[in-house]
């Protein structure tokens, strides 16, 4: 029996095709998500980003094999909503910053720097693809959709950034190309 929270592929694809990609510059932070031990999540209104710890309080900093290129994840808010089905489930995506910004690689190629609130981050070349946790939470159809070759450049699953300059980030903060 299928999970009622998992949407069929056709419905997900139709929803994604209707979405506007978001602003190419002057975007904003829609949600901050701290991934806590286990499956727990916290969604603070404000958080600190640092070059050595990433998103302060996130479990990334606790890992023994931390990849600096995979320090913080960004996901487009509208894509996250389409996949999650409700705002309450968006934090389950596993992404740290849910943003209103066009994440397309033509708009944000590797090396692009973004000022997010007070922090400065840089887009890395580490591919951000869905995993089994993503599939378990949102369904096999969602995982298939975000990894389809024809959507790869749109970065539906999101992208990774590393922190260049520490700073506070808050929900509603502007995101600008630096």
C-alpha atoms as a PDB file:
ATOM      1  CA  UNK A   1       0.000   0.000   0.000  1.00  0.00           C
ATOM      2  CA  UNK A   2       1.368   3.421  -0.880  1.00  0.00           C
ATOM      3  CA  UNK A   3       2.018   6.145   1.662  1.00  0.00           C
ATOM      4  CA  UNK A   4      -0.725   8.821   1.434  1.00  0.00           C
ATOM      5  CA  UNK A   5       1.945  11.511   1.986  1.00  0.00           C
ATOM      6  CA  UNK A   6       3.886  10.382  -1.103  1.00  0.00           C
ATOM      7  CA  UNK A   7       2.657  11.946  -4.319  1.00  0.00           C
ATOM      8  CA  UNK A   8       2.678  10.152  -7.679  1.00  0.00           C
ATOM      9  CA  UNK A   9       5.413  11.073 -10.151  1.00  0.00           C
ATOM     10  CA  UNK A  10       2.999  12.683 -12.638  1.00  0.00           C
ATOM     11  CA  UNK A  11       1.550  15.007  -9.988  1.00  0.00           C
ATOM     12  CA  UNK A  12       5.010  16.014  -8.765  1.00  0.00           C
ATOM     13  CA  UNK A  13       6.285  16.674 -12.273  1.00  0.00           C
ATOM     14  CA  UNK A  14       3.208  18.749 -13.148  1.00  0.00           C
ATOM     15  CA  UNK A  15       3.677  20.805  -9.988  1.00  0.00           C
ATOM     16  CA  UNK A  16       7.377  21.413 -10.705  1.00  0.00           C
ATOM     17  CA  UNK A  17       6.670  22.398 -14.304  1.00  0.00           C
ATOM     18  CA  UNK A  18       4.257  25.100 -13.086  1.00  0.00           C
ATOM     19  CA  UNK A  19       6.755  26.610 -10.655  1.00  0.00           C
ATOM     20  CA  UNK A  20       8.524  29.888 -11.232  1.00  0.00           C
ATOM     21  CA  UNK A  21      12.232  29.301 -10.496  1.00  0.00           C
ATOM     22  CA  UNK A  22      12.423  32.259  -8.118  1.00  0.00           C
ATOM     23  CA  UNK A  23      14.416  35.464  -8.347  1.00  0.00           C
ATOM     24  CA  UNK A  24      17.871  35.275  -9.921  1.00  0.00           C
ATOM     25  CA  UNK A  25      19.172  37.735  -7.334  1.00  0.00           C
ATOM     26  CA  UNK A  26      17.676  39.437  -4.284  1.00  0.00           C
ATOM     27  CA  UNK A  27      16.092  36.268  -2.972  1.00  0.00           C
ATOM     28  CA  UNK A  28      15.259  35.521   0.643  1.00  0.00           C
ATOM     29  CA  UNK A  29      15.510  32.912   3.389  1.00  0.00           C
ATOM     30  CA  UNK A  30      12.171  31.151   3.883  1.00  0.00           C
ATOM     31  CA  UNK A  31      13.166  28.641   6.581  1.00  0.00           C
ATOM     32  CA  UNK A  32      16.236  27.635   8.585  1.00  0.00           C
ATOM     33  CA  UNK A  33      16.497  23.950   9.468  1.00  0.00           C
ATOM     34  CA  UNK A  34      18.843  22.415  12.007  1.00  0.00           C
ATOM     35  CA  UNK A  35      19.246  18.679  11.561  1.00  0.00           C
ATOM     36  CA  UNK A  36      19.563  17.290  15.058  1.00  0.00           C
ATOM     37  CA  UNK A  37      20.674  13.788  16.062  1.00  0.00           C
ATOM     38  CA  UNK A  38      18.330  11.109  14.775  1.00  0.00           C
ATOM     39  CA  UNK A  39      15.466  12.418  12.700  1.00  0.00           C
ATOM     40  CA  UNK A  40      14.768  15.498  14.820  1.00  0.00           C
ATOM     41  CA  UNK A  41      14.575  18.982  13.308  1.00  0.00           C
ATOM     42  CA  UNK A  42      14.533  22.507  14.700  1.00  0.00           C
ATOM     43  CA  UNK A  43      13.451  25.539  12.714  1.00  0.00           C
ATOM     44  CA  UNK A  44      14.886  28.588  14.482  1.00  0.00           C
ATOM     45  CA  UNK A  45      14.146  32.108  13.332  1.00  0.00           C
ATOM     46  CA  UNK A  46      17.875  32.947  13.426  1.00  0.00           C
ATOM     47  CA  UNK A  47      21.146  30.999  13.279  1.00  0.00           C
ATOM     48  CA  UNK A  48      24.896  31.473  12.987  1.00  0.00           C
ATOM     49  CA  UNK A  49      26.931  30.303   9.981  1.00  0.00           C
ATOM     50  CA  UNK A  50      30.679  29.781  10.495  1.00  0.00           C
ATOM     51  CA  UNK A  51      33.493  28.524   8.226  1.00  0.00           C
ATOM     52  CA  UNK A  52      34.509  25.769  10.636  1.00  0.00           C
ATOM     53  CA  UNK A  53      31.102  24.664  11.929  1.00  0.00           C
ATOM     54  CA  UNK A  54      28.661  25.385   9.109  1.00  0.00           C
ATOM     55  CA  UNK A  55      25.186  26.059  10.485  1.00  0.00           C
ATOM     56  CA  UNK A  56      25.706  26.301  14.249  1.00  0.00           C
ATOM     57  CA  UNK A  57      23.792  23.476  15.955  1.00  0.00           C
ATOM     58  CA  UNK A  58      23.421  21.332  12.819  1.00  0.00           C
ATOM     59  CA  UNK A  59      24.670  17.760  12.964  1.00  0.00           C
ATOM     60  CA  UNK A  60      27.073  18.350  10.020  1.00  0.00           C
ATOM     61  CA  UNK A  61      29.618  19.742  12.494  1.00  0.00           C
ATOM     62  CA  UNK A  62      29.424  16.525  14.542  1.00  0.00           C
ATOM     63  CA  UNK A  63      30.422  14.210  11.698  1.00  0.00           C
ATOM     64  CA  UNK A  64      33.943  12.775  11.731  1.00  0.00           C
ATOM     65  CA  UNK A  65      34.222  12.928   7.924  1.00  0.00           C
ATOM     66  CA  UNK A  66      32.887  16.428   7.331  1.00  0.00           C
ATOM     67  CA  UNK A  67      33.144  17.491   3.700  1.00  0.00           C
ATOM     68  CA  UNK A  68      33.646  21.293   3.571  1.00  0.00           C
ATOM     69  CA  UNK A  69      32.091  21.262   0.100  1.00  0.00           C
ATOM     70  CA  UNK A  70      28.884  19.812   1.548  1.00  0.00           C
ATOM     71  CA  UNK A  71      28.677  22.107   4.566  1.00  0.00           C
ATOM     72  CA  UNK A  72      25.250  23.707   4.062  1.00  0.00           C
ATOM     73  CA  UNK A  73      22.413  22.827   1.709  1.00  0.00           C
ATOM     74  CA  UNK A  74      19.996  25.195   0.027  1.00  0.00           C
ATOM     75  CA  UNK A  75      16.695  24.120  -1.527  1.00  0.00           C
ATOM     76  CA  UNK A  76      14.189  26.247  -3.394  1.00  0.00           C
ATOM     77  CA  UNK A  77      11.125  26.816  -1.187  1.00  0.00           C
ATOM     78  CA  UNK A  78       8.552  26.150  -3.909  1.00  0.00           C
ATOM     79  CA  UNK A  79      10.204  22.881  -4.961  1.00  0.00           C
ATOM     80  CA  UNK A  80      10.429  21.841  -1.304  1.00  0.00           C
ATOM     81  CA  UNK A  81       6.710  22.548  -0.833  1.00  0.00           C
ATOM     82  CA  UNK A  82       5.781  20.639  -3.987  1.00  0.00           C
ATOM     83  CA  UNK A  83       7.732  17.573  -2.851  1.00  0.00           C
ATOM     84  CA  UNK A  84       6.804  17.747   0.842  1.00  0.00           C
ATOM     85  CA  UNK A  85       3.120  18.470   0.288  1.00  0.00           C
ATOM     86  CA  UNK A  86       2.891  20.820   3.281  1.00  0.00           C
ATOM     87  CA  UNK A  87       4.997  23.438   5.033  1.00  0.00           C
ATOM     88  CA  UNK A  88       5.111  21.259   8.167  1.00  0.00           C
ATOM     89  CA  UNK A  89       6.968  18.544   6.217  1.00  0.00           C
ATOM     90  CA  UNK A  90       9.459  20.811   4.379  1.00  0.00           C
ATOM     91  CA  UNK A  91      12.064  20.500   7.154  1.00  0.00           C
ATOM     92  CA  UNK A  92      12.201  16.742   6.492  1.00  0.00           C
ATOM     93  CA  UNK A  93      14.021  17.393   3.198  1.00  0.00           C
ATOM     94  CA  UNK A  94      17.280  17.568   5.133  1.00  0.00           C
ATOM     95  CA  UNK A  95      18.224  20.968   3.733  1.00  0.00           C
ATOM     96  CA  UNK A  96      19.502  23.726   5.999  1.00  0.00           C
ATOM     97  CA  UNK A  97      18.216  26.804   4.204  1.00  0.00           C
ATOM     98  CA  UNK A  98      14.930  26.781   2.333  1.00  0.00           C
ATOM     99  CA  UNK A  99      15.168  29.771   0.030  1.00  0.00           C
ATOM    100  CA  UNK A 100      13.302  31.858  -2.499  1.00  0.00           C
ATOM    101  CA  UNK A 101      16.019  31.973  -5.159  1.00  0.00           C
ATOM    102  CA  UNK A 102      16.687  30.476  -8.603  1.00  0.00           C
ATOM    103  CA  UNK A 103      19.223  27.717  -7.885  1.00  0.00           C
ATOM    104  CA  UNK A 104      19.707  26.854 -11.561  1.00  0.00           C
ATOM    105  CA  UNK A 105      23.373  26.230 -12.382  1.00  0.00           C
ATOM    106  CA  UNK A 106      23.234  28.900 -15.112  1.00  0.00           C
ATOM    107  CA  UNK A 107      22.257  31.409 -12.415  1.00  0.00           C
ATOM    108  CA  UNK A 108      24.499  30.078  -9.632  1.00  0.00           C
ATOM    109  CA  UNK A 109      27.485  28.246 -11.124  1.00  0.00           C
ATOM    110  CA  UNK A 110      30.179  26.760  -8.904  1.00  0.00           C
ATOM    111  CA  UNK A 111      32.153  29.541  -7.222  1.00  0.00           C
ATOM    112  CA  UNK A 112      29.257  32.019  -7.073  1.00  0.00           C
ATOM    113  CA  UNK A 113      29.276  33.871  -3.776  1.00  0.00           C
ATOM    114  CA  UNK A 114      26.075  34.788  -1.990  1.00  0.00           C
ATOM    115  CA  UNK A 115      25.515  37.170   0.882  1.00  0.00           C
ATOM    116  CA  UNK A 116      22.864  35.554   3.066  1.00  0.00           C
ATOM    117  CA  UNK A 117      22.043  37.856   5.930  1.00  0.00           C
ATOM    118  CA  UNK A 118      25.435  38.732   7.442  1.00  0.00           C
ATOM    119  CA  UNK A 119      27.174  35.573   6.159  1.00  0.00           C
ATOM    120  CA  UNK A 120      29.043  35.058   2.898  1.00  0.00           C
ATOM    121  CA  UNK A 121      28.815  31.611   1.290  1.00  0.00           C
ATOM    122  CA  UNK A 122      30.131  30.072  -1.923  1.00  0.00           C
ATOM    123  CA  UNK A 123      28.431  27.524  -4.198  1.00  0.00           C
ATOM    124  CA  UNK A 124      30.494  24.314  -4.339  1.00  0.00           C
ATOM    125  CA  UNK A 125      30.859  21.693  -7.050  1.00  0.00           C
ATOM    126  CA  UNK A 126      29.561  18.845  -4.866  1.00  0.00           C
ATOM    127  CA  UNK A 127      26.395  17.445  -6.466  1.00  0.00           C
ATOM    128  CA  UNK A 128      23.351  17.437  -4.205  1.00  0.00           C
ATOM    129  CA  UNK A 129      21.201  14.442  -5.046  1.00  0.00           C
ATOM    130  CA  UNK A 130      18.443  12.763  -3.156  1.00  0.00           C
ATOM    131  CA  UNK A 131      19.213   9.814  -0.912  1.00  0.00           C
ATOM    132  CA  UNK A 132      17.293   6.940   0.631  1.00  0.00           C
ATOM    133  CA  UNK A 133      16.175   9.165   3.517  1.00  0.00           C
ATOM    134  CA  UNK A 134      14.684  11.615   0.997  1.00  0.00           C
ATOM    135  CA  UNK A 135      12.950   8.712  -0.751  1.00  0.00           C
ATOM    136  CA  UNK A 136      11.607   7.328   2.541  1.00  0.00           C
ATOM    137  CA  UNK A 137      10.209  10.721   3.571  1.00  0.00           C
ATOM    138  CA  UNK A 138       8.778  11.876   0.218  1.00  0.00           C
ATOM    139  CA  UNK A 139       8.560   8.752  -1.918  1.00  0.00           C
ATOM    140  CA  UNK A 140      10.427   7.067  -4.733  1.00  0.00           C
ATOM    141  CA  UNK A 141       8.693   9.344  -7.266  1.00  0.00           C
ATOM    142  CA  UNK A 142      10.096  12.456  -5.563  1.00  0.00           C
ATOM    143  CA  UNK A 143      13.609  11.008  -5.562  1.00  0.00           C
ATOM    144  CA  UNK A 144      13.295  10.075  -9.232  1.00  0.00           C
ATOM    145  CA  UNK A 145      12.027  13.539 -10.157  1.00  0.00           C
ATOM    146  CA  UNK A 146      14.769  15.554  -8.441  1.00  0.00           C
ATOM    147  CA  UNK A 147      17.442  13.371 -10.050  1.00  0.00           C
ATOM    148  CA  UNK A 148      16.087  13.306 -13.618  1.00  0.00           C
ATOM    149  CA  UNK A 149      18.707  14.277 -16.181  1.00  0.00           C
ATOM    150  CA  UNK A 150      16.408  16.840 -17.844  1.00  0.00           C
ATOM    151  CA  UNK A 151      15.984  18.689 -14.509  1.00  0.00           C
ATOM    152  CA  UNK A 152      19.572  18.393 -13.272  1.00  0.00           C
ATOM    153  CA  UNK A 153      20.558  21.942 -14.299  1.00  0.00           C
ATOM    154  CA  UNK A 154      17.555  23.344 -12.383  1.00  0.00           C
ATOM    155  CA  UNK A 155      18.982  21.877  -9.151  1.00  0.00           C
ATOM    156  CA  UNK A 156      15.569  20.757  -7.934  1.00  0.00           C
ATOM    157  CA  UNK A 157      17.204  18.877  -5.074  1.00  0.00           C
ATOM    158  CA  UNK A 158      19.158  22.001  -4.191  1.00  0.00           C
ATOM    159  CA  UNK A 159      22.837  22.786  -3.930  1.00  0.00           C
ATOM    160  CA  UNK A 160      25.710  22.902  -1.476  1.00  0.00           C
ATOM    161  CA  UNK A 161      27.509  25.989  -0.226  1.00  0.00           C
ATOM    162  CA  UNK A 162      30.441  26.492   2.105  1.00  0.00           C
ATOM    163  CA  UNK A 163      30.753  29.397   4.531  1.00  0.00           C
ATOM    164  CA  UNK A 164      33.417  31.956   3.585  1.00  0.00           C
ATOM    165  CA  UNK A 165      32.601  34.620   6.214  1.00  0.00           C
ATOM    166  CA  UNK A 166      30.716  33.972   9.439  1.00  0.00           C
ATOM    167  CA  UNK A 167      27.499  35.779  10.168  1.00  0.00           C
ATOM    168  CA  UNK A 168      23.967  35.617  11.476  1.00  0.00           C
ATOM    169  CA  UNK A 169      21.175  34.511   9.158  1.00  0.00           C
ATOM    170  CA  UNK A 170      17.482  34.987   9.887  1.00  0.00           C
ATOM    171  CA  UNK A 171      14.242  33.965   8.245  1.00  0.00           C
ATOM    172  CA  UNK A 172      13.320  36.765   5.841  1.00  0.00           C
ATOM    173  CA  UNK A 173      16.943  37.855   5.280  1.00  0.00           C
ATOM    174  CA  UNK A 174      17.927  38.859   1.773  1.00  0.00           C
ATOM    175  CA  UNK A 175      20.105  36.653  -0.421  1.00  0.00           C
ATOM    176  CA  UNK A 176      22.222  38.554  -2.915  1.00  0.00           C
ATOM    177  CA  UNK A 177      25.002  37.619  -5.283  1.00  0.00           C
ATOM    178  CA  UNK A 178      28.230  39.046  -3.897  1.00  0.00           C
END
